[in-house]
PDB file of N, CA and C in Angstrom:
ATOM      1  N   UNK A   1       0.792  -1.105   0.099  1.00  0.00           N
ATOM      2  CA  UNK A   1      -0.022   0.064  -0.026  1.00  0.00           C
ATOM      3  C   UNK A   1       0.993   1.157  -0.024  1.00  0.00           C
ATOM      4  N   UNK A   2       0.546   2.121  -0.895  1.00  0.00           N
ATOM      5  CA  UNK A   2       1.393   3.219  -1.031  1.00  0.00           C
ATOM      6  C   UNK A   2       1.026   4.350   0.030  1.00  0.00           C
ATOM      7  N   UNK A   3       1.859   5.502   0.091  1.00  0.00           N
ATOM      8  CA  UNK A   3       1.746   6.440   0.875  1.00  0.00           C
ATOM      9  C   UNK A   3       0.343   7.075   0.861  1.00  0.00           C
ATOM     10  N   UNK A   4      -0.138   7.458  -0.402  1.00  0.00           N
ATOM     11  CA  UNK A   4      -1.380   8.021  -0.528  1.00  0.00           C
ATOM     12  C   UNK A   4      -2.429   7.201  -0.135  1.00  0.00           C
ATOM     13  N   UNK A   5      -2.468   5.832  -0.506  1.00  0.00           N
ATOM     14  CA  UNK A   5      -3.460   4.942  -0.030  1.00  0.00           C
ATOM     15  C   UNK A   5      -3.764   4.982   1.377  1.00  0.00           C
ATOM     16  N   UNK A   6      -2.481   4.897   2.135  1.00  0.00           N
ATOM     17  CA  UNK A   6      -2.523   4.926   3.549  1.00  0.00           C
ATOM     18  C   UNK A   6      -3.029   6.229   4.162  1.00  0.00           C
ATOM     19  N   UNK A   7      -2.709   7.320   3.594  1.00  0.00           N
ATOM     20  CA  UNK A   7      -3.193   8.720   4.044  1.00  0.00           C
ATOM     21  C   UNK A   7      -4.708   8.783   3.859  1.00  0.00           C
ATOM     22  N   UNK A   8      -5.111   8.281   2.600  1.00  0.00           N
ATOM     23  CA  UNK A   8      -6.682   8.343   2.232  1.00  0.00           C
ATOM     24  C   UNK A   8      -7.507   7.569   3.270  1.00  0.00           C
ATOM     25  N   UNK A   9      -6.861   6.263   3.645  1.00  0.00           N
ATOM     26  CA  UNK A   9      -7.674   5.424   4.639  1.00  0.00           C
ATOM     27  C   UNK A   9      -7.708   6.007   5.896  1.00  0.00           C
ATOM     28  N   UNK A  10      -6.683   6.705   6.371  1.00  0.00           N
ATOM     29  CA  UNK A  10      -6.733   7.427   7.564  1.00  0.00           C
ATOM     30  C   UNK A  10      -7.660   8.747   7.587  1.00  0.00           C
ATOM     31  N   UNK A  11      -7.702   9.284   6.512  1.00  0.00           N
ATOM     32  CA  UNK A  11      -8.615  10.433   6.372  1.00  0.00           C
ATOM     33  C   UNK A  11     -10.017   9.991   6.260  1.00  0.00           C
ATOM     34  N   UNK A  12     -10.385   8.851   5.614  1.00  0.00           N
ATOM     35  CA  UNK A  12     -11.681   8.303   5.641  1.00  0.00           C
ATOM     36  C   UNK A  12     -12.187   7.951   7.183  1.00  0.00           C
ATOM     37  N   UNK A  13     -11.325   7.232   7.884  1.00  0.00           N
ATOM     38  CA  UNK A  13     -11.536   6.869   9.222  1.00  0.00           C
ATOM     39  C   UNK A  13     -11.731   8.113  10.089  1.00  0.00           C
ATOM     40  N   UNK A  14     -11.082   9.140   9.968  1.00  0.00           N
ATOM     41  CA  UNK A  14     -11.130  10.301  10.729  1.00  0.00           C
ATOM     42  C   UNK A  14     -12.589  11.060  10.381  1.00  0.00           C
ATOM     43  N   UNK A  15     -12.882  11.171   9.131  1.00  0.00           N
ATOM     44  CA  UNK A  15     -14.186  11.724   8.682  1.00  0.00           C
ATOM     45  C   UNK A  15     -15.353  10.917   9.305  1.00  0.00           C
ATOM     46  N   UNK A  16     -15.199   9.547   9.131  1.00  0.00           N
ATOM     47  CA  UNK A  16     -16.247   8.667   9.682  1.00  0.00           C
ATOM     48  C   UNK A  16     -16.437   8.765  11.329  1.00  0.00           C
ATOM     49  N   UNK A  17     -15.230   8.798  11.810  1.00  0.00           N
ATOM     50  CA  UNK A  17     -15.227   8.889  13.363  1.00  0.00           C
ATOM     51  C   UNK A  17     -15.632  10.240  13.961  1.00  0.00           C
ATOM     52  N   UNK A  18     -15.292  11.374  13.116  1.00  0.00           N
ATOM     53  CA  UNK A  18     -15.437  12.588  13.846  1.00  0.00           C
ATOM     54  C   UNK A  18     -16.151  13.553  12.861  1.00  0.00           C
ATOM     55  N   UNK A  19     -16.998  13.057  12.110  1.00  0.00           N
ATOM     56  CA  UNK A  19     -17.806  13.814  11.061  1.00  0.00           C
ATOM     57  C   UNK A  19     -18.539  15.073  11.592  1.00  0.00           C
ATOM     58  N   UNK A  20     -19.208  14.658  12.898  1.00  0.00           N
ATOM     59  CA  UNK A  20     -19.986  15.714  13.409  1.00  0.00           C
ATOM     60  C   UNK A  20     -19.103  16.832  14.006  1.00  0.00           C
ATOM     61  N   UNK A  21     -17.960  16.676  14.492  1.00  0.00           N
ATOM     62  CA  UNK A  21     -16.957  17.681  14.764  1.00  0.00           C
ATOM     63  C   UNK A  21     -16.477  18.426  13.600  1.00  0.00           C
ATOM     64  N   UNK A  22     -16.312  17.806  12.617  1.00  0.00           N
ATOM     65  CA  UNK A  22     -15.687  18.500  11.480  1.00  0.00           C
ATOM     66  C   UNK A  22     -17.045  19.451  10.851  1.00  0.00           C
ATOM     67  N   UNK A  23     -18.071  18.998  10.755  1.00  0.00           N
ATOM     68  CA  UNK A  23     -19.260  19.705  10.391  1.00  0.00           C
ATOM     69  C   UNK A  23     -19.413  20.937  11.210  1.00  0.00           C
ATOM     70  N   UNK A  24     -19.277  20.778  12.424  1.00  0.00           N
ATOM     71  CA  UNK A  24     -19.339  21.922  13.391  1.00  0.00           C
ATOM     72  C   UNK A  24     -18.234  22.963  13.142  1.00  0.00           C
ATOM     73  N   UNK A  25     -17.100  22.461  12.851  1.00  0.00           N
ATOM     74  CA  UNK A  25     -15.914  23.301  12.574  1.00  0.00           C
ATOM     75  C   UNK A  25     -16.302  24.106  11.203  1.00  0.00           C
ATOM     76  N   UNK A  26     -16.701  23.406  10.325  1.00  0.00           N
ATOM     77  CA  UNK A  26     -17.081  24.107   9.071  1.00  0.00           C
ATOM     78  C   UNK A  26     -18.135  25.121   9.169  1.00  0.00           C
ATOM     79  N   UNK A  27     -19.131  24.786  10.003  1.00  0.00           N
ATOM     80  CA  UNK A  27     -20.301  25.850  10.282  1.00  0.00           C
ATOM     81  C   UNK A  27     -19.576  27.060  10.930  1.00  0.00           C
ATOM     82  N   UNK A  28     -18.722  26.831  11.800  1.00  0.00           N
ATOM     83  CA  UNK A  28     -18.231  27.996  12.682  1.00  0.00           C
ATOM     84  C   UNK A  28     -17.357  28.823  11.757  1.00  0.00           C
ATOM     85  N   UNK A  29     -16.597  28.135  10.805  1.00  0.00           N
ATOM     86  CA  UNK A  29     -15.739  28.877   9.942  1.00  0.00           C
ATOM     87  C   UNK A  29     -16.651  29.690   9.092  1.00  0.00           C
ATOM     88  N   UNK A  30     -17.640  29.177   8.583  1.00  0.00           N
ATOM     89  CA  UNK A  30     -18.705  29.880   7.674  1.00  0.00           C
ATOM     90  C   UNK A  30     -19.249  31.123   8.461  1.00  0.00           C
ATOM     91  N   UNK A  31     -19.550  30.949   9.789  1.00  0.00           N
ATOM     92  CA  UNK A  31     -20.062  32.038  10.617  1.00  0.00           C
ATOM     93  C   UNK A  31     -19.168  33.077  10.649  1.00  0.00           C
ATOM     94  N   UNK A  32     -17.784  32.863  10.897  1.00  0.00           N
ATOM     95  CA  UNK A  32     -16.723  33.813  11.087  1.00  0.00           C
ATOM     96  C   UNK A  32     -16.656  34.557   9.692  1.00  0.00           C
ATOM     97  N   UNK A  33     -16.528  33.844   8.701  1.00  0.00           N
ATOM     98  CA  UNK A  33     -16.275  34.442   7.361  1.00  0.00           C
ATOM     99  C   UNK A  33     -17.532  35.441   7.028  1.00  0.00           C
ATOM    100  N   UNK A  34     -18.812  34.939   7.472  1.00  0.00           N
ATOM    101  CA  UNK A  34     -19.896  35.858   7.156  1.00  0.00           C
ATOM    102  C   UNK A  34     -19.847  37.190   7.980  1.00  0.00           C
ATOM    103  N   UNK A  35     -19.404  36.945   9.212  1.00  0.00           N
ATOM    104  CA  UNK A  35     -19.282  38.104  10.083  1.00  0.00           C
ATOM    105  C   UNK A  35     -18.177  39.069   9.577  1.00  0.00           C
ATOM    106  N   UNK A  36     -17.133  38.589   9.147  1.00  0.00           N
ATOM    107  CA  UNK A  36     -15.935  39.280   8.733  1.00  0.00           C
ATOM    108  C   UNK A  36     -16.362  40.071   7.387  1.00  0.00           C
ATOM    109  N   UNK A  37     -17.174  39.577   6.533  1.00  0.00           N
ATOM    110  CA  UNK A  37     -17.519  40.183   5.284  1.00  0.00           C
ATOM    111  C   UNK A  37     -18.854  41.020   5.408  1.00  0.00           C
ATOM    112  N   UNK A  38     -19.439  40.963   6.703  1.00  0.00           N
ATOM    113  CA  UNK A  38     -20.681  41.733   6.792  1.00  0.00           C
ATOM    114  C   UNK A  38     -21.901  41.008   6.065  1.00  0.00           C
ATOM    115  N   UNK A  39     -21.858  39.904   5.872  1.00  0.00           N
ATOM    116  CA  UNK A  39     -22.858  39.113   5.140  1.00  0.00           C
ATOM    117  C   UNK A  39     -22.860  39.269   3.659  1.00  0.00           C
ATOM    118  N   UNK A  40     -21.969  39.950   3.030  1.00  0.00           N
ATOM    119  CA  UNK A  40     -21.934  40.376   1.609  1.00  0.00           C
ATOM    120  C   UNK A  40     -21.764  39.112   0.804  1.00  0.00           C
ATOM    121  N   UNK A  41     -20.990  38.082   1.220  1.00  0.00           N
ATOM    122  CA  UNK A  41     -20.886  37.000   0.560  1.00  0.00           C
ATOM    123  C   UNK A  41     -21.560  35.697   1.018  1.00  0.00           C
ATOM    124  N   UNK A  42     -22.604  35.783   1.716  1.00  0.00           N
ATOM    125  CA  UNK A  42     -23.275  34.657   2.349  1.00  0.00           C
ATOM    126  C   UNK A  42     -23.623  33.635   1.332  1.00  0.00           C
ATOM    127  N   UNK A  43     -24.006  33.890   0.252  1.00  0.00           N
ATOM    128  CA  UNK A  43     -24.567  33.026  -0.900  1.00  0.00           C
ATOM    129  C   UNK A  43     -23.316  32.103  -1.182  1.00  0.00           C
ATOM    130  N   UNK A  44     -22.122  32.772  -1.445  1.00  0.00           N
ATOM    131  CA  UNK A  44     -20.897  31.958  -1.838  1.00  0.00           C
ATOM    132  C   UNK A  44     -20.473  31.197  -0.623  1.00  0.00           C
ATOM    133  N   UNK A  45     -20.650  31.712   0.606  1.00  0.00           N
ATOM    134  CA  UNK A  45     -20.129  30.788   1.775  1.00  0.00           C
ATOM    135  C   UNK A  45     -21.014  29.625   1.978  1.00  0.00           C
ATOM    136  N   UNK A  46     -22.323  29.750   1.783  1.00  0.00           N
ATOM    137  CA  UNK A  46     -23.262  28.543   1.880  1.00  0.00           C
ATOM    138  C   UNK A  46     -22.921  27.705   0.723  1.00  0.00           C
ATOM    139  N   UNK A  47     -22.757  28.116  -0.448  1.00  0.00           N
ATOM    140  CA  UNK A  47     -22.328  27.253  -1.559  1.00  0.00           C
ATOM    141  C   UNK A  47     -21.126  26.406  -1.209  1.00  0.00           C
ATOM    142  N   UNK A  48     -20.128  27.118  -0.744  1.00  0.00           N
ATOM    143  CA  UNK A  48     -18.741  26.449  -0.401  1.00  0.00           C
ATOM    144  C   UNK A  48     -18.884  25.617   0.631  1.00  0.00           C
ATOM    145  N   UNK A  49     -19.725  25.846   1.767  1.00  0.00           N
ATOM    146  CA  UNK A  49     -19.743  24.883   2.870  1.00  0.00           C
ATOM    147  C   UNK A  49     -20.551  23.536   2.467  1.00  0.00           C
ATOM    148  N   UNK A  50     -21.572  23.879   1.530  1.00  0.00           N
ATOM    149  CA  UNK A  50     -22.406  22.678   0.941  1.00  0.00           C
ATOM    150  C   UNK A  50     -21.526  21.815   0.257  1.00  0.00           C
ATOM    151  N   UNK A  51     -20.678  22.373  -0.719  1.00  0.00           N
ATOM    152  CA  UNK A  51     -19.859  21.495  -1.433  1.00  0.00           C
ATOM    153  C   UNK A  51     -18.647  20.770  -0.731  1.00  0.00           C
ATOM    154  N   UNK A  52     -18.147  21.499   0.385  1.00  0.00           N
ATOM    155  CA  UNK A  52     -17.167  20.827   1.214  1.00  0.00           C
ATOM    156  C   UNK A  52     -17.904  19.645   1.967  1.00  0.00           C
ATOM    157  N   UNK A  53     -19.016  19.908   2.497  1.00  0.00           N
ATOM    158  CA  UNK A  53     -19.691  18.713   3.278  1.00  0.00           C
ATOM    159  C   UNK A  53     -20.001  17.563   2.335  1.00  0.00           C
ATOM    160  N   UNK A  54     -20.352  17.832   1.058  1.00  0.00           N
ATOM    161  CA  UNK A  54     -20.693  16.861   0.195  1.00  0.00           C
ATOM    162  C   UNK A  54     -19.510  16.006  -0.132  1.00  0.00           C
ATOM    163  N   UNK A  55     -18.377  16.768  -0.336  1.00  0.00           N
ATOM    164  CA  UNK A  55     -17.067  16.213  -0.558  1.00  0.00           C
ATOM    165  C   UNK A  55     -16.596  15.223   0.449  1.00  0.00           C
ATOM    166  N   UNK A  56     -16.736  15.618   1.822  1.00  0.00           N
ATOM    167  CA  UNK A  56     -16.409  14.824   2.805  1.00  0.00           C
ATOM    168  C   UNK A  56     -17.324  13.577   3.019  1.00  0.00           C
ATOM    169  N   UNK A  57     -18.489  13.728   2.657  1.00  0.00           N
ATOM    170  CA  UNK A  57     -19.525  12.546   2.725  1.00  0.00           C
ATOM    171  C   UNK A  57     -19.002  11.527   1.624  1.00  0.00           C
ATOM    172  N   UNK A  58     -18.585  12.073   0.457  1.00  0.00           N
ATOM    173  CA  UNK A  58     -18.215  11.209  -0.572  1.00  0.00           C
ATOM    174  C   UNK A  58     -16.910  10.371  -0.220  1.00  0.00           C
ATOM    175  N   UNK A  59     -16.040  11.159   0.645  1.00  0.00           N
ATOM    176  CA  UNK A  59     -14.720  10.599   1.044  1.00  0.00           C
ATOM    177  C   UNK A  59     -14.976   9.246   1.843  1.00  0.00           C
ATOM    178  N   UNK A  60     -15.947   9.362   2.763  1.00  0.00           N
ATOM    179  CA  UNK A  60     -16.063   8.136   3.681  1.00  0.00           C
ATOM    180  C   UNK A  60     -17.261   7.129   3.196  1.00  0.00           C
ATOM    181  N   UNK A  61     -17.854   7.595   2.027  1.00  0.00           N
ATOM    182  CA  UNK A  61     -18.853   6.743   1.313  1.00  0.00           C
ATOM    183  C   UNK A  61     -20.269   6.707   2.118  1.00  0.00           C
ATOM    184  N   UNK A  62     -20.447   7.585   2.952  1.00  0.00           N
ATOM    185  CA  UNK A  62     -21.676   7.570   3.781  1.00  0.00           C
ATOM    186  C   UNK A  62     -22.155   8.989   3.791  1.00  0.00           C
ATOM    187  N   UNK A  63     -23.509   9.034   3.750  1.00  0.00           N
ATOM    188  CA  UNK A  63     -24.311  10.383   3.905  1.00  0.00           C
ATOM    189  C   UNK A  63     -24.960  10.436   5.247  1.00  0.00           C
ATOM    190  N   UNK A  64     -23.929  10.320   6.228  1.00  0.00           N
ATOM    191  CA  UNK A  64     -24.454  10.174   7.572  1.00  0.00           C
ATOM    192  C   UNK A  64     -24.170  11.109   8.502  1.00  0.00           C
ATOM    193  N   UNK A  65     -23.040  11.984   8.390  1.00  0.00           N
ATOM    194  CA  UNK A  65     -22.635  12.596   9.481  1.00  0.00           C
ATOM    195  C   UNK A  65     -22.265  14.220   9.279  1.00  0.00           C
ATOM    196  N   UNK A  66     -22.604  14.706   8.007  1.00  0.00           N
ATOM    197  CA  UNK A  66     -22.122  16.063   7.717  1.00  0.00           C
ATOM    198  C   UNK A  66     -23.325  16.840   7.402  1.00  0.00           C
ATOM    199  N   UNK A  67     -24.500  16.700   7.977  1.00  0.00           N
ATOM    200  CA  UNK A  67     -25.722  17.648   7.414  1.00  0.00           C
ATOM    201  C   UNK A  67     -26.237  18.088   8.787  1.00  0.00           C
TER     202      UNK A  67
END
């Protein structure tokens, strides 16, 4: 197993084990970005967080922990 395969397996496990914490962190980062920009880019922030959460769900192969 190569380095990248090993790293991907560890990342999958981390997302599966701690998906709720990762999701909370994403939401907190989005809130900070929204406050820093005065809400000017909220539509783009929401789009970005949705895509990020979808990507993480695809990584662990489950749609269980990031919504």
